[in-house]
Amino acid sequence: EEPNVFKTDRPPKPILATFGPGPRMCPGQHLARKELALVLAVVLERLPTLVLLDPAASQPVGAIIRGPHTLPVATG
């Protein structure tokens, strides 16, 4: 009701920000993706013998939030 009027007594609504497009898009998604890429690069640089143990288990799942449930690795 009256979305363009600033009301300090308006009750808060829950927000579920996503990394996808739309009205609830996370404003920090690009920074988060850059940080993740940097962290992964540093981990792989510092652990050059890191081996993926089960490629099938690490396949991405999900439609909205895609990613593996597990990522089994070991150092060789």
C-alpha atoms as a PDB file:
ATOM      1  CA  GLU A   1       0.000   0.000   0.000  1.00  0.00           C
ATOM      2  CA  GLU A   2       1.453   3.385  -1.088  1.00  0.00           C
ATOM      3  CA  PRO A   3       4.893   2.041  -2.120  1.00  0.00           C
ATOM      4  CA  ASN A   4       6.212   5.503  -3.052  1.00  0.00           C
ATOM      5  CA  VAL A   5       5.481   7.037   0.357  1.00  0.00           C
ATOM      6  CA  PHE A   6       8.160   6.840   3.069  1.00  0.00           C
ATOM      7  CA  LYS A   7       6.568   5.614   6.303  1.00  0.00           C
ATOM      8  CA  THR A   8       8.690   4.970   9.384  1.00  0.00           C
ATOM      9  CA  ASP A   9       5.953   2.874  10.997  1.00  0.00           C
ATOM     10  CA  ARG A  10       5.591   0.513   8.038  1.00  0.00           C
ATOM     11  CA  PRO A  11       5.975  -3.133   9.162  1.00  0.00           C
ATOM     12  CA  PRO A  12       9.072  -4.839   7.713  1.00  0.00           C
ATOM     13  CA  LYS A  13       8.656  -7.460   5.001  1.00  0.00           C
ATOM     14  CA  PRO A  14      10.956 -10.476   4.657  1.00  0.00           C
ATOM     15  CA  ILE A  15      13.391 -10.217   1.762  1.00  0.00           C
ATOM     16  CA  LEU A  16      14.941 -13.160  -0.028  1.00  0.00           C
ATOM     17  CA  ALA A  17      17.740 -11.781  -2.182  1.00  0.00           C
ATOM     18  CA  THR A  18      18.905 -13.961  -5.050  1.00  0.00           C
ATOM     19  CA  PHE A  19      21.809 -13.973  -7.469  1.00  0.00           C
ATOM     20  CA  GLY A  20      19.337 -14.116 -10.350  1.00  0.00           C
ATOM     21  CA  PRO A  21      17.531 -11.294 -12.115  1.00  0.00           C
ATOM     22  CA  GLY A  22      14.396  -9.744 -10.721  1.00  0.00           C
ATOM     23  CA  PRO A  23      13.174  -7.288  -8.115  1.00  0.00           C
ATOM     24  CA  ARG A  24      14.958  -9.041  -5.234  1.00  0.00           C
ATOM     25  CA  MET A  25      18.345  -9.294  -6.948  1.00  0.00           C
ATOM     26  CA  CYS A  26      21.252  -9.158  -4.510  1.00  0.00           C
ATOM     27  CA  PRO A  27      23.097  -5.843  -4.994  1.00  0.00           C
ATOM     28  CA  GLY A  28      26.385  -7.463  -3.931  1.00  0.00           C
ATOM     29  CA  GLN A  29      26.201 -10.468  -6.242  1.00  0.00           C
ATOM     30  CA  HIS A  30      28.999  -9.304  -8.541  1.00  0.00           C
ATOM     31  CA  LEU A  31      31.354  -8.684  -5.613  1.00  0.00           C
ATOM     32  CA  ALA A  32      30.472 -12.085  -4.101  1.00  0.00           C
ATOM     33  CA  ARG A  33      31.226 -13.851  -7.386  1.00  0.00           C
ATOM     34  CA  LYS A  34      34.575 -12.046  -7.728  1.00  0.00           C
ATOM     35  CA  GLU A  35      35.475 -12.944  -4.142  1.00  0.00           C
ATOM     36  CA  LEU A  36      34.576 -16.597  -4.743  1.00  0.00           C
ATOM     37  CA  ALA A  37      36.700 -16.728  -7.909  1.00  0.00           C
ATOM     38  CA  LEU A  38      39.638 -15.192  -6.016  1.00  0.00           C
ATOM     39  CA  VAL A  39      39.295 -17.604  -3.084  1.00  0.00           C
ATOM     40  CA  LEU A  40      39.164 -20.613  -5.403  1.00  0.00           C
ATOM     41  CA  ALA A  41      42.222 -19.399  -7.305  1.00  0.00           C
ATOM     42  CA  VAL A  42      44.192 -18.978  -4.053  1.00  0.00           C
ATOM     43  CA  VAL A  43      43.120 -22.400  -2.745  1.00  0.00           C
ATOM     44  CA  LEU A  44      44.167 -24.082  -5.989  1.00  0.00           C
ATOM     45  CA  GLU A  45      47.463 -22.189  -5.996  1.00  0.00           C
ATOM     46  CA  ARG A  46      48.276 -23.137  -2.401  1.00  0.00           C
ATOM     47  CA  LEU A  47      47.119 -26.743  -2.745  1.00  0.00           C
ATOM     48  CA  PRO A  48      48.450 -27.794  -6.166  1.00  0.00           C
ATOM     49  CA  THR A  49      47.946 -31.492  -5.381  1.00  0.00           C
ATOM     50  CA  LEU A  50      44.226 -31.096  -4.641  1.00  0.00           C
ATOM     51  CA  VAL A  51      42.262 -33.895  -6.341  1.00  0.00           C
ATOM     52  CA  LEU A  52      38.517 -34.235  -6.858  1.00  0.00           C
ATOM     53  CA  LEU A  53      37.550 -37.621  -5.398  1.00  0.00           C
ATOM     54  CA  ASP A  54      34.072 -38.130  -6.838  1.00  0.00           C
ATOM     55  CA  PRO A  55      33.265 -36.107  -9.987  1.00  0.00           C
ATOM     56  CA  ALA A  56      29.711 -37.491 -10.080  1.00  0.00           C
ATOM     57  CA  ALA A  57      28.956 -36.219  -6.543  1.00  0.00           C
ATOM     58  CA  SER A  58      30.172 -32.732  -7.421  1.00  0.00           C
ATOM     59  CA  GLN A  59      27.739 -32.161 -10.296  1.00  0.00           C
ATOM     60  CA  PRO A  60      25.548 -29.049  -9.823  1.00  0.00           C
ATOM     61  CA  VAL A  61      21.945 -29.627  -8.779  1.00  0.00           C
ATOM     62  CA  GLY A  62      18.958 -27.328  -8.395  1.00  0.00           C
ATOM     63  CA  ALA A  63      17.224 -24.847 -10.627  1.00  0.00           C
ATOM     64  CA  ILE A  64      17.401 -21.605  -8.654  1.00  0.00           C
ATOM     65  CA  ILE A  65      20.418 -22.088  -6.411  1.00  0.00           C
ATOM     66  CA  ARG A  66      22.702 -24.344  -8.436  1.00  0.00           C
ATOM     67  CA  GLY A  67      25.695 -26.037  -6.956  1.00  0.00           C
ATOM     68  CA  PRO A  68      27.008 -29.347  -5.716  1.00  0.00           C
ATOM     69  CA  HIS A  69      25.740 -30.787  -2.447  1.00  0.00           C
ATOM     70  CA  THR A  70      29.236 -32.052  -1.692  1.00  0.00           C
ATOM     71  CA  LEU A  71      32.696 -31.494  -3.087  1.00  0.00           C
ATOM     72  CA  PRO A  72      34.857 -34.387  -1.904  1.00  0.00           C
ATOM     73  CA  VAL A  73      38.544 -33.583  -2.343  1.00  0.00           C
ATOM     74  CA  ALA A  74      41.882 -34.790  -1.009  1.00  0.00           C
ATOM     75  CA  THR A  75      45.479 -33.703  -1.266  1.00  0.00           C
ATOM     76  CA  GLY A  76      47.725 -36.117  -3.096  1.00  0.00           C
END
